[in-house]
Amino acid sequence: MSGVDARPAFWLFRDGQLGADEMHIASRRRHDISRHRIEVEPHEALRDMAQALVLRHPIRAAVALQIAAAITYPEGAAIAPEFVTFDQRLGAAAQQEGFRTRGV
């Protein structure tokens, strides 16, 4: 989860729908989670997969790249990937692709 992924929480704070204490908790959680994230560099197969995801779901390219990266997550890894996002579309698309989500 990057700072960009947390932007809906910042919007809620800006619009007065999220209090300062809640925003502090959300920011702290994002920081804690970011220490354990795995980053996957885009490559041709990942881009092709993202294009297919855009056709299946009402999502933008950046969101599709995030899901494609999780799909290409190394097999045999100790833990299954989990999406932590405040983005409703990313969460819904990730769930439809078989992932657990948190934060949606």
PDB file of N, CA and C in Angstrom:
ATOM      1  N   MET A   1       0.849  -1.162   0.000  1.00  0.00           N
ATOM      2  CA  MET A   1       0.000   0.000   0.000  1.00  0.00           C
ATOM      3  C   MET A   1       0.896   1.226   0.000  1.00  0.00           C
ATOM      4  N   SER A   2       0.775   2.012  -1.003  1.00  0.00           N
ATOM      5  CA  SER A   2       1.602   3.209  -1.096  1.00  0.00           C
ATOM      6  C   SER A   2       0.821   4.418  -0.609  1.00  0.00           C
ATOM      7  N   GLY A   3       1.499   5.546  -0.556  1.00  0.00           N
ATOM      8  CA  GLY A   3       0.814   6.777  -0.200  1.00  0.00           C
ATOM      9  C   GLY A   3      -0.297   7.099  -1.175  1.00  0.00           C
ATOM     10  N   VAL A   4      -0.090   6.741  -2.429  1.00  0.00           N
ATOM     11  CA  VAL A   4      -1.109   6.973  -3.440  1.00  0.00           C
ATOM     12  C   VAL A   4      -2.350   6.130  -3.135  1.00  0.00           C
ATOM     13  N   ASP A   5      -2.145   4.891  -2.684  1.00  0.00           N
ATOM     14  CA  ASP A   5      -3.272   4.026  -2.356  1.00  0.00           C
ATOM     15  C   ASP A   5      -4.088   4.560  -1.204  1.00  0.00           C
ATOM     16  N   ALA A   6      -3.487   5.362  -0.365  1.00  0.00           N
ATOM     17  CA  ALA A   6      -4.175   5.891   0.818  1.00  0.00           C
ATOM     18  C   ALA A   6      -4.938   7.175   0.518  1.00  0.00           C
ATOM     19  N   ARG A   7      -4.892   7.641  -0.706  1.00  0.00           N
ATOM     20  CA  ARG A   7      -5.503   8.935  -1.001  1.00  0.00           C
ATOM     21  C   ARG A   7      -6.987   9.013  -0.691  1.00  0.00           C
ATOM     22  N   PRO A   8      -7.799   7.949  -0.865  1.00  0.00           N
ATOM     23  CA  PRO A   8      -9.202   8.090  -0.451  1.00  0.00           C
ATOM     24  C   PRO A   8      -9.356   8.423   1.029  1.00  0.00           C
ATOM     25  N   ALA A   9      -8.472   7.923   1.880  1.00  0.00           N
ATOM     26  CA  ALA A   9      -8.532   8.270   3.299  1.00  0.00           C
ATOM     27  C   ALA A   9      -8.214   9.753   3.480  1.00  0.00           C
ATOM     28  N   PHE A  10      -7.261  10.266   2.718  1.00  0.00           N
ATOM     29  CA  PHE A  10      -6.936  11.681   2.802  1.00  0.00           C
ATOM     30  C   PHE A  10      -8.100  12.547   2.317  1.00  0.00           C
ATOM     31  N   TRP A  11      -8.814  12.064   1.282  1.00  0.00           N
ATOM     32  CA  TRP A  11      -9.990  12.790   0.800  1.00  0.00           C
ATOM     33  C   TRP A  11     -11.063  12.850   1.885  1.00  0.00           C
ATOM     34  N   LEU A  12     -11.280  11.713   2.564  1.00  0.00           N
ATOM     35  CA  LEU A  12     -12.270  11.693   3.640  1.00  0.00           C
ATOM     36  C   LEU A  12     -11.897  12.672   4.745  1.00  0.00           C
ATOM     37  N   PHE A  13     -10.612  12.736   5.065  1.00  0.00           N
ATOM     38  CA  PHE A  13     -10.139  13.671   6.082  1.00  0.00           C
ATOM     39  C   PHE A  13     -10.345  15.104   5.618  1.00  0.00           C
ATOM     40  N   ARG A  14      -9.952  15.388   4.399  1.00  0.00           N
ATOM     41  CA  ARG A  14     -10.089  16.737   3.831  1.00  0.00           C
ATOM     42  C   ARG A  14     -11.544  17.189   3.831  1.00  0.00           C
ATOM     43  N   ASP A  15     -12.453  16.256   3.528  1.00  0.00           N
ATOM     44  CA  ASP A  15     -13.878  16.586   3.434  1.00  0.00           C
ATOM     45  C   ASP A  15     -14.598  16.525   4.774  1.00  0.00           C
ATOM     46  N   GLY A  16     -13.855  16.283   5.850  1.00  0.00           N
ATOM     47  CA  GLY A  16     -14.444  16.281   7.173  1.00  0.00           C
ATOM     48  C   GLY A  16     -15.192  15.013   7.546  1.00  0.00           C
ATOM     49  N   GLN A  17     -15.042  13.952   6.765  1.00  0.00           N
ATOM     50  CA  GLN A  17     -15.731  12.699   7.043  1.00  0.00           C
ATOM     51  C   GLN A  17     -14.882  11.746   7.885  1.00  0.00           C
ATOM     52  N   LEU A  18     -13.627  12.116   8.106  1.00  0.00           N
ATOM     53  CA  LEU A  18     -12.708  11.316   8.902  1.00  0.00           C
ATOM     54  C   LEU A  18     -12.029  12.269   9.876  1.00  0.00           C
ATOM     55  N   GLY A  19     -12.116  11.955  11.169  1.00  0.00           N
ATOM     56  CA  GLY A  19     -11.538  12.820  12.190  1.00  0.00           C
ATOM     57  C   GLY A  19     -10.024  12.722  12.241  1.00  0.00           C
ATOM     58  N   ALA A  20      -9.411  13.646  12.973  1.00  0.00           N
ATOM     59  CA  ALA A  20      -7.952  13.682  13.084  1.00  0.00           C
ATOM     60  C   ALA A  20      -7.410  12.415  13.728  1.00  0.00           C
ATOM     61  N   ASP A  21      -8.091  11.912  14.759  1.00  0.00           N
ATOM     62  CA  ASP A  21      -7.636  10.674  15.408  1.00  0.00           C
ATOM     63  C   ASP A  21      -7.712   9.491  14.456  1.00  0.00           C
ATOM     64  N   GLU A  22      -8.799   9.404  13.704  1.00  0.00           N
ATOM     65  CA  GLU A  22      -8.952   8.314  12.724  1.00  0.00           C
ATOM     66  C   GLU A  22      -7.906   8.422  11.622  1.00  0.00           C
ATOM     67  N   MET A  23      -7.624   9.648  11.196  1.00  0.00           N
ATOM     68  CA  MET A  23      -6.608   9.851  10.156  1.00  0.00           C
ATOM     69  C   MET A  23      -5.238   9.447  10.674  1.00  0.00           C
ATOM     70  N   HIS A  24      -4.949   9.770  11.928  1.00  0.00           N
ATOM     71  CA  HIS A  24      -3.666   9.380  12.518  1.00  0.00           C
ATOM     72  C   HIS A  24      -3.540   7.858  12.558  1.00  0.00           C
ATOM     73  N   ILE A  25      -4.607   7.170  12.959  1.00  0.00           N
ATOM     74  CA  ILE A  25      -4.599   5.702  13.006  1.00  0.00           C
ATOM     75  C   ILE A  25      -4.401   5.133  11.605  1.00  0.00           C
ATOM     76  N   ALA A  26      -5.125   5.682  10.614  1.00  0.00           N
ATOM     77  CA  ALA A  26      -4.986   5.203   9.231  1.00  0.00           C
ATOM     78  C   ALA A  26      -3.569   5.421   8.707  1.00  0.00           C
ATOM     79  N   SER A  27      -2.986   6.587   9.006  1.00  0.00           N
ATOM     80  CA  SER A  27      -1.619   6.872   8.553  1.00  0.00           C
ATOM     81  C   SER A  27      -0.615   5.930   9.209  1.00  0.00           C
ATOM     82  N   ARG A  28      -0.813   5.659  10.481  1.00  0.00           N
ATOM     83  CA  ARG A  28       0.083   4.747  11.210  1.00  0.00           C
ATOM     84  C   ARG A  28      -0.008   3.338  10.645  1.00  0.00           C
ATOM     85  N   ARG A  29      -1.220   2.890  10.379  1.00  0.00           N
ATOM     86  CA  ARG A  29      -1.407   1.549   9.806  1.00  0.00           C
ATOM     87  C   ARG A  29      -0.762   1.455   8.429  1.00  0.00           C
ATOM     88  N   ARG A  30      -0.923   2.513   7.620  1.00  0.00           N
ATOM     89  CA  ARG A  30      -0.308   2.513   6.290  1.00  0.00           C
ATOM     90  C   ARG A  30       1.201   2.406   6.417  1.00  0.00           C
ATOM     91  N   HIS A  31       1.765   3.123   7.357  1.00  0.00           N
ATOM     92  CA  HIS A  31       3.212   3.064   7.578  1.00  0.00           C
ATOM     93  C   HIS A  31       3.635   1.660   8.010  1.00  0.00           C
ATOM     94  N   ASP A  32       2.912   1.067   8.950  1.00  0.00           N
ATOM     95  CA  ASP A  32       3.245  -0.282   9.428  1.00  0.00           C
ATOM     96  C   ASP A  32       3.156  -1.308   8.299  1.00  0.00           C
ATOM     97  N   ILE A  33       2.116  -1.219   7.509  1.00  0.00           N
ATOM     98  CA  ILE A  33       1.908  -2.160   6.405  1.00  0.00           C
ATOM     99  C   ILE A  33       2.977  -1.966   5.331  1.00  0.00           C
ATOM    100  N   SER A  34       3.356  -0.713   5.070  1.00  0.00           N
ATOM    101  CA  SER A  34       4.318  -0.444   3.996  1.00  0.00           C
ATOM    102  C   SER A  34       5.685  -1.077   4.260  1.00  0.00           C
ATOM    103  N   ARG A  35       5.996  -1.333   5.513  1.00  0.00           N
ATOM    104  CA  ARG A  35       7.276  -1.981   5.834  1.00  0.00           C
ATOM    105  C   ARG A  35       7.306  -3.430   5.363  1.00  0.00           C
ATOM    106  N   HIS A  36       6.154  -4.022   5.110  1.00  0.00           N
ATOM    107  CA  HIS A  36       6.077  -5.435   4.735  1.00  0.00           C
ATOM    108  C   HIS A  36       5.614  -5.651   3.293  1.00  0.00           C
ATOM    109  N   ARG A  37       5.509  -4.610   2.541  1.00  0.00           N
ATOM    110  CA  ARG A  37       4.994  -4.757   1.179  1.00  0.00           C
ATOM    111  C   ARG A  37       6.053  -5.354   0.263  1.00  0.00           C
ATOM    112  N   ILE A  38       5.564  -5.896  -0.815  1.00  0.00           N
ATOM    113  CA  ILE A  38       6.427  -6.463  -1.849  1.00  0.00           C
ATOM    114  C   ILE A  38       6.155  -5.682  -3.122  1.00  0.00           C
ATOM    115  N   GLU A  39       7.188  -5.227  -3.784  1.00  0.00           N
ATOM    116  CA  GLU A  39       7.023  -4.473  -5.016  1.00  0.00           C
ATOM    117  C   GLU A  39       7.444  -5.327  -6.201  1.00  0.00           C
ATOM    118  N   VAL A  40       6.624  -5.293  -7.243  1.00  0.00           N
ATOM    119  CA  VAL A  40       6.887  -6.046  -8.461  1.00  0.00           C
ATOM    120  C   VAL A  40       7.056  -5.036  -9.589  1.00  0.00           C
ATOM    121  N   GLU A  41       8.206  -5.073 -10.246  1.00  0.00           N
ATOM    122  CA  GLU A  41       8.465  -4.162 -11.355  1.00  0.00           C
ATOM    123  C   GLU A  41       7.639  -4.583 -12.578  1.00  0.00           C
ATOM    124  N   PRO A  42       7.071  -3.611 -13.303  1.00  0.00           N
ATOM    125  CA  PRO A  42       6.290  -3.952 -14.499  1.00  0.00           C
ATOM    126  C   PRO A  42       7.173  -4.580 -15.579  1.00  0.00           C
ATOM    127  N   HIS A  43       6.667  -5.611 -16.203  1.00  0.00           N
ATOM    128  CA  HIS A  43       7.322  -6.236 -17.350  1.00  0.00           C
ATOM    129  C   HIS A  43       6.229  -6.538 -18.364  1.00  0.00           C
ATOM    130  N   GLU A  44       6.594  -7.012 -19.533  1.00  0.00           N
ATOM    131  CA  GLU A  44       5.630  -7.174 -20.627  1.00  0.00           C
ATOM    132  C   GLU A  44       4.448  -8.063 -20.252  1.00  0.00           C
ATOM    133  N   ALA A  45       4.712  -9.200 -19.625  1.00  0.00           N
ATOM    134  CA  ALA A  45       3.619 -10.105 -19.237  1.00  0.00           C
ATOM    135  C   ALA A  45       2.686  -9.440 -18.226  1.00  0.00           C
ATOM    136  N   LEU A  46       3.256  -8.671 -17.322  1.00  0.00           N
ATOM    137  CA  LEU A  46       2.457  -7.965 -16.327  1.00  0.00           C
ATOM    138  C   LEU A  46       1.579  -6.915 -17.009  1.00  0.00           C
ATOM    139  N   ARG A  47       2.129  -6.202 -17.958  1.00  0.00           N
ATOM    140  CA  ARG A  47       1.348  -5.204 -18.695  1.00  0.00           C
ATOM    141  C   ARG A  47       0.226  -5.863 -19.481  1.00  0.00           C
ATOM    142  N   ASP A  48       0.503  -7.002 -20.115  1.00  0.00           N
ATOM    143  CA  ASP A  48      -0.535  -7.724 -20.859  1.00  0.00           C
ATOM    144  C   ASP A  48      -1.663  -8.163 -19.932  1.00  0.00           C
ATOM    145  N   MET A  49      -1.297  -8.649 -18.759  1.00  0.00           N
ATOM    146  CA  MET A  49      -2.294  -9.078 -17.792  1.00  0.00           C
ATOM    147  C   MET A  49      -3.127  -7.883 -17.327  1.00  0.00           C
ATOM    148  N   ALA A  50      -2.481  -6.748 -17.107  1.00  0.00           N
ATOM    149  CA  ALA A  50      -3.198  -5.543 -16.683  1.00  0.00           C
ATOM    150  C   ALA A  50      -4.194  -5.100 -17.753  1.00  0.00           C
ATOM    151  N   GLN A  51      -3.809  -5.208 -19.011  1.00  0.00           N
ATOM    152  CA  GLN A  51      -4.731  -4.854 -20.092  1.00  0.00           C
ATOM    153  C   GLN A  51      -5.965  -5.749 -20.074  1.00  0.00           C
ATOM    154  N   ALA A  52      -5.770  -7.035 -19.821  1.00  0.00           N
ATOM    155  CA  ALA A  52      -6.904  -7.960 -19.744  1.00  0.00           C
ATOM    156  C   ALA A  52      -7.802  -7.621 -18.553  1.00  0.00           C
ATOM    157  N   LEU A  53      -7.201  -7.224 -17.438  1.00  0.00           N
ATOM    158  CA  LEU A  53      -7.981  -6.867 -16.253  1.00  0.00           C
ATOM    159  C   LEU A  53      -8.838  -5.625 -16.501  1.00  0.00           C
ATOM    160  N   VAL A  54      -8.307  -4.667 -17.246  1.00  0.00           N
ATOM    161  CA  VAL A  54      -9.073  -3.458 -17.568  1.00  0.00           C
ATOM    162  C   VAL A  54     -10.312  -3.820 -18.385  1.00  0.00           C
ATOM    163  N   LEU A  55     -10.210  -4.843 -19.202  1.00  0.00           N
ATOM    164  CA  LEU A  55     -11.367  -5.276 -19.994  1.00  0.00           C
ATOM    165  C   LEU A  55     -12.412  -5.996 -19.139  1.00  0.00           C
ATOM    166  N   ARG A  56     -11.977  -6.640 -18.052  1.00  0.00           N
ATOM    167  CA  ARG A  56     -12.901  -7.399 -17.190  1.00  0.00           C
ATOM    168  C   ARG A  56     -13.529  -6.588 -16.079  1.00  0.00           C
ATOM    169  N   HIS A  57     -12.879  -5.516 -15.662  1.00  0.00           N
ATOM    170  CA  HIS A  57     -13.326  -4.756 -14.496  1.00  0.00           C
ATOM    171  C   HIS A  57     -13.373  -3.262 -14.815  1.00  0.00           C
ATOM    172  N   PRO A  58     -14.238  -2.500 -14.135  1.00  0.00           N
ATOM    173  CA  PRO A  58     -14.289  -1.041 -14.347  1.00  0.00           C
ATOM    174  C   PRO A  58     -13.172  -0.334 -13.570  1.00  0.00           C
ATOM    175  N   ILE A  59     -11.931  -0.592 -13.976  1.00  0.00           N
ATOM    176  CA  ILE A  59     -10.770  -0.038 -13.276  1.00  0.00           C
ATOM    177  C   ILE A  59      -9.844   0.653 -14.267  1.00  0.00           C
ATOM    178  N   ARG A  60      -8.966   1.462 -13.730  1.00  0.00           N
ATOM    179  CA  ARG A  60      -7.968   2.165 -14.547  1.00  0.00           C
ATOM    180  C   ARG A  60      -6.680   1.344 -14.605  1.00  0.00           C
ATOM    181  N   ALA A  61      -5.787   1.779 -15.466  1.00  0.00           N
ATOM    182  CA  ALA A  61      -4.547   1.045 -15.709  1.00  0.00           C
ATOM    183  C   ALA A  61      -3.705   0.860 -14.457  1.00  0.00           C
ATOM    184  N   ALA A  62      -3.560   1.898 -13.636  1.00  0.00           N
ATOM    185  CA  ALA A  62      -2.725   1.790 -12.437  1.00  0.00           C
ATOM    186  C   ALA A  62      -3.265   0.732 -11.476  1.00  0.00           C
ATOM    187  N   VAL A  63      -4.580   0.691 -11.334  1.00  0.00           N
ATOM    188  CA  VAL A  63      -5.209  -0.311 -10.475  1.00  0.00           C
ATOM    189  C   VAL A  63      -5.000  -1.703 -11.064  1.00  0.00           C
ATOM    190  N   ALA A  64      -5.158  -1.823 -12.370  1.00  0.00           N
ATOM    191  CA  ALA A  64      -4.956  -3.110 -13.034  1.00  0.00           C
ATOM    192  C   ALA A  64      -3.519  -3.600 -12.857  1.00  0.00           C
ATOM    193  N   LEU A  65      -2.557  -2.707 -12.888  1.00  0.00           N
ATOM    194  CA  LEU A  65      -1.166  -3.101 -12.673  1.00  0.00           C
ATOM    195  C   LEU A  65      -0.956  -3.641 -11.260  1.00  0.00           C
ATOM    196  N   GLN A  66      -1.638  -3.062 -10.280  1.00  0.00           N
ATOM    197  CA  GLN A  66      -1.510  -3.557  -8.913  1.00  0.00           C
ATOM    198  C   GLN A  66      -2.056  -4.987  -8.798  1.00  0.00           C
ATOM    199  N   ILE A  67      -3.198  -5.227  -9.405  1.00  0.00           N
ATOM    200  CA  ILE A  67      -3.783  -6.570  -9.347  1.00  0.00           C
ATOM    201  C   ILE A  67      -2.919  -7.553 -10.123  1.00  0.00           C
ATOM    202  N   ALA A  68      -2.446  -7.149 -11.295  1.00  0.00           N
ATOM    203  CA  ALA A  68      -1.585  -8.026 -12.095  1.00  0.00           C
ATOM    204  C   ALA A  68      -0.311  -8.373 -11.326  1.00  0.00           C
ATOM    205  N   ALA A  69       0.240  -7.421 -10.616  1.00  0.00           N
ATOM    206  CA  ALA A  69       1.445  -7.689  -9.815  1.00  0.00           C
ATOM    207  C   ALA A  69       1.153  -8.727  -8.745  1.00  0.00           C
ATOM    208  N   ALA A  70      -0.006  -8.654  -8.125  1.00  0.00           N
ATOM    209  CA  ALA A  70      -0.368  -9.640  -7.098  1.00  0.00           C
ATOM    210  C   ALA A  70      -0.585 -11.014  -7.715  1.00  0.00           C
ATOM    211  N   ILE A  71      -1.158 -11.050  -8.911  1.00  0.00           N
ATOM    212  CA  ILE A  71      -1.372 -12.332  -9.587  1.00  0.00           C
ATOM    213  C   ILE A  71      -0.040 -12.994  -9.903  1.00  0.00           C
ATOM    214  N   THR A  72       0.973 -12.195 -10.222  1.00  0.00           N
ATOM    215  CA  THR A  72       2.286 -12.750 -10.549  1.00  0.00           C
ATOM    216  C   THR A  72       3.158 -12.931  -9.313  1.00  0.00           C
ATOM    217  N   TYR A  73       2.576 -12.715  -8.138  1.00  0.00           N
ATOM    218  CA  TYR A  73       3.281 -12.910  -6.864  1.00  0.00           C
ATOM    219  C   TYR A  73       3.955 -14.280  -6.876  1.00  0.00           C
ATOM    220  N   PRO A  74       5.173 -14.396  -6.378  1.00  0.00           N
ATOM    221  CA  PRO A  74       5.912 -15.657  -6.471  1.00  0.00           C
ATOM    222  C   PRO A  74       5.154 -16.857  -5.884  1.00  0.00           C
ATOM    223  N   GLU A  75       5.037 -17.900  -6.683  1.00  0.00           N
ATOM    224  CA  GLU A  75       4.423 -19.133  -6.188  1.00  0.00           C
ATOM    225  C   GLU A  75       5.295 -19.724  -5.097  1.00  0.00           C
ATOM    226  N   GLY A  76       4.666 -20.350  -4.131  1.00  0.00           N
ATOM    227  CA  GLY A  76       5.397 -20.956  -3.039  1.00  0.00           C
ATOM    228  C   GLY A  76       5.774 -19.975  -1.949  1.00  0.00           C
ATOM    229  N   ALA A  77       5.287 -18.742  -2.059  1.00  0.00           N
ATOM    230  CA  ALA A  77       5.581 -17.755  -1.024  1.00  0.00           C
ATOM    231  C   ALA A  77       4.924 -18.184   0.284  1.00  0.00           C
ATOM    232  N   ALA A  78       5.496 -17.749   1.364  1.00  0.00           N
ATOM    233  CA  ALA A  78       5.020 -18.163   2.685  1.00  0.00           C
ATOM    234  C   ALA A  78       3.616 -17.663   2.991  1.00  0.00           C
ATOM    235  N   ILE A  79       3.242 -16.521   2.439  1.00  0.00           N
ATOM    236  CA  ILE A  79       1.907 -15.982   2.706  1.00  0.00           C
ATOM    237  C   ILE A  79       1.206 -15.642   1.400  1.00  0.00           C
ATOM    238  N   ALA A  80      -0.100 -15.727   1.431  1.00  0.00           N
ATOM    239  CA  ALA A  80      -0.885 -15.335   0.269  1.00  0.00           C
ATOM    240  C   ALA A  80      -1.033 -13.824   0.275  1.00  0.00           C
ATOM    241  N   PRO A  81      -1.016 -13.201  -0.889  1.00  0.00           N
ATOM    242  CA  PRO A  81      -1.151 -11.745  -0.914  1.00  0.00           C
ATOM    243  C   PRO A  81      -2.528 -11.298  -0.447  1.00  0.00           C
ATOM    244  N   GLU A  82      -2.547 -10.173   0.193  1.00  0.00           N
ATOM    245  CA  GLU A  82      -3.782  -9.568   0.666  1.00  0.00           C
ATOM    246  C   GLU A  82      -3.748  -8.112   0.251  1.00  0.00           C
ATOM    247  N   PHE A  83      -4.829  -7.641  -0.314  1.00  0.00           N
ATOM    248  CA  PHE A  83      -4.901  -6.238  -0.699  1.00  0.00           C
ATOM    249  C   PHE A  83      -5.343  -5.420   0.493  1.00  0.00           C
ATOM    250  N   VAL A  84      -4.580  -4.398   0.775  1.00  0.00           N
ATOM    251  CA  VAL A  84      -4.958  -3.421   1.790  1.00  0.00           C
ATOM    252  C   VAL A  84      -5.154  -2.128   1.030  1.00  0.00           C
ATOM    253  N   THR A  85      -6.393  -1.690   0.943  1.00  0.00           N
ATOM    254  CA  THR A  85      -6.702  -0.517   0.140  1.00  0.00           C
ATOM    255  C   THR A  85      -7.946   0.170   0.647  1.00  0.00           C
ATOM    256  N   PHE A  86      -8.014   1.459   0.413  1.00  0.00           N
ATOM    257  CA  PHE A  86      -9.219   2.222   0.686  1.00  0.00           C
ATOM    258  C   PHE A  86      -9.965   2.510  -0.612  1.00  0.00           C
ATOM    259  N   ASP A  87      -9.445   1.996  -1.717  1.00  0.00           N
ATOM    260  CA  ASP A  87     -10.030   2.209  -3.034  1.00  0.00           C
ATOM    261  C   ASP A  87     -11.082   1.136  -3.290  1.00  0.00           C
ATOM    262  N   GLN A  88     -12.339   1.542  -3.398  1.00  0.00           N
ATOM    263  CA  GLN A  88     -13.448   0.591  -3.563  1.00  0.00           C
ATOM    264  C   GLN A  88     -13.306  -0.236  -4.840  1.00  0.00           C
ATOM    265  N   ARG A  89     -12.935   0.396  -5.936  1.00  0.00           N
ATOM    266  CA  ARG A  89     -12.819  -0.338  -7.210  1.00  0.00           C
ATOM    267  C   ARG A  89     -11.687  -1.352  -7.171  1.00  0.00           C
ATOM    268  N   LEU A  90     -10.554  -0.950  -6.618  1.00  0.00           N
ATOM    269  CA  LEU A  90      -9.431  -1.879  -6.492  1.00  0.00           C
ATOM    270  C   LEU A  90      -9.835  -3.059  -5.618  1.00  0.00           C
ATOM    271  N   GLY A  91     -10.467  -2.778  -4.493  1.00  0.00           N
ATOM    272  CA  GLY A  91     -10.888  -3.849  -3.592  1.00  0.00           C
ATOM    273  C   GLY A  91     -11.876  -4.804  -4.244  1.00  0.00           C
ATOM    274  N   ALA A  92     -12.859  -4.257  -4.940  1.00  0.00           N
ATOM    275  CA  ALA A  92     -13.869  -5.104  -5.594  1.00  0.00           C
ATOM    276  C   ALA A  92     -13.238  -5.957  -6.692  1.00  0.00           C
ATOM    277  N   ALA A  93     -12.390  -5.352  -7.519  1.00  0.00           N
ATOM    278  CA  ALA A  93     -11.745  -6.106  -8.598  1.00  0.00           C
ATOM    279  C   ALA A  93     -10.820  -7.178  -8.028  1.00  0.00           C
ATOM    280  N   ALA A  94     -10.077  -6.839  -6.985  1.00  0.00           N
ATOM    281  CA  ALA A  94      -9.170  -7.815  -6.360  1.00  0.00           C
ATOM    282  C   ALA A  94      -9.972  -8.989  -5.787  1.00  0.00           C
ATOM    283  N   GLN A  95     -11.084  -8.706  -5.149  1.00  0.00           N
ATOM    284  CA  GLN A  95     -11.927  -9.779  -4.617  1.00  0.00           C
ATOM    285  C   GLN A  95     -12.451 -10.665  -5.737  1.00  0.00           C
ATOM    286  N   GLN A  96     -12.870 -10.075  -6.834  1.00  0.00           N
ATOM    287  CA  GLN A  96     -13.357 -10.853  -7.976  1.00  0.00           C
ATOM    288  C   GLN A  96     -12.265 -11.711  -8.597  1.00  0.00           C
ATOM    289  N   GLU A  97     -11.019 -11.294  -8.426  1.00  0.00           N
ATOM    290  CA  GLU A  97      -9.887 -12.076  -8.924  1.00  0.00           C
ATOM    291  C   GLU A  97      -9.404 -13.098  -7.888  1.00  0.00           C
ATOM    292  N   GLY A  98     -10.092 -13.184  -6.753  1.00  0.00           N
ATOM    293  CA  GLY A  98      -9.802 -14.227  -5.766  1.00  0.00           C
ATOM    294  C   GLY A  98      -8.945 -13.824  -4.585  1.00  0.00           C
ATOM    295  N   PHE A  99      -8.695 -12.532  -4.407  1.00  0.00           N
ATOM    296  CA  PHE A  99      -7.850 -12.082  -3.295  1.00  0.00           C
ATOM    297  C   PHE A  99      -8.671 -11.662  -2.094  1.00  0.00           C
ATOM    298  N   ARG A 100      -8.051 -11.795  -0.919  1.00  0.00           N
ATOM    299  CA  ARG A 100      -8.641 -11.236   0.301  1.00  0.00           C
ATOM    300  C   ARG A 100      -8.302  -9.759   0.306  1.00  0.00           C
ATOM    301  N   THR A 101      -9.196  -8.944   0.847  1.00  0.00           N
ATOM    302  CA  THR A 101      -8.927  -7.523   0.946  1.00  0.00           C
ATOM    303  C   THR A 101      -9.167  -7.041   2.362  1.00  0.00           C
ATOM    304  N   ARG A 102      -8.528  -5.946   2.671  1.00  0.00           N
ATOM    305  CA  ARG A 102      -8.699  -5.319   3.984  1.00  0.00           C
ATOM    306  C   ARG A 102      -8.674  -3.813   3.770  1.00  0.00           C
ATOM    307  N   GLY A 103      -9.497  -3.118   4.517  1.00  0.00           N
ATOM    308  CA  GLY A 103      -9.523  -1.668   4.447  1.00  0.00           C
ATOM    309  C   GLY A 103     -10.614  -1.115   3.575  1.00  0.00           C
ATOM    310  N   VAL A 104     -11.233  -1.953   2.737  1.00  0.00           N
ATOM    311  CA  VAL A 104     -12.267  -1.478   1.811  1.00  0.00           C
ATOM    312  C   VAL A 104     -13.544  -1.244   2.574  1.00  0.00           C
TER     313      VAL A 104
END
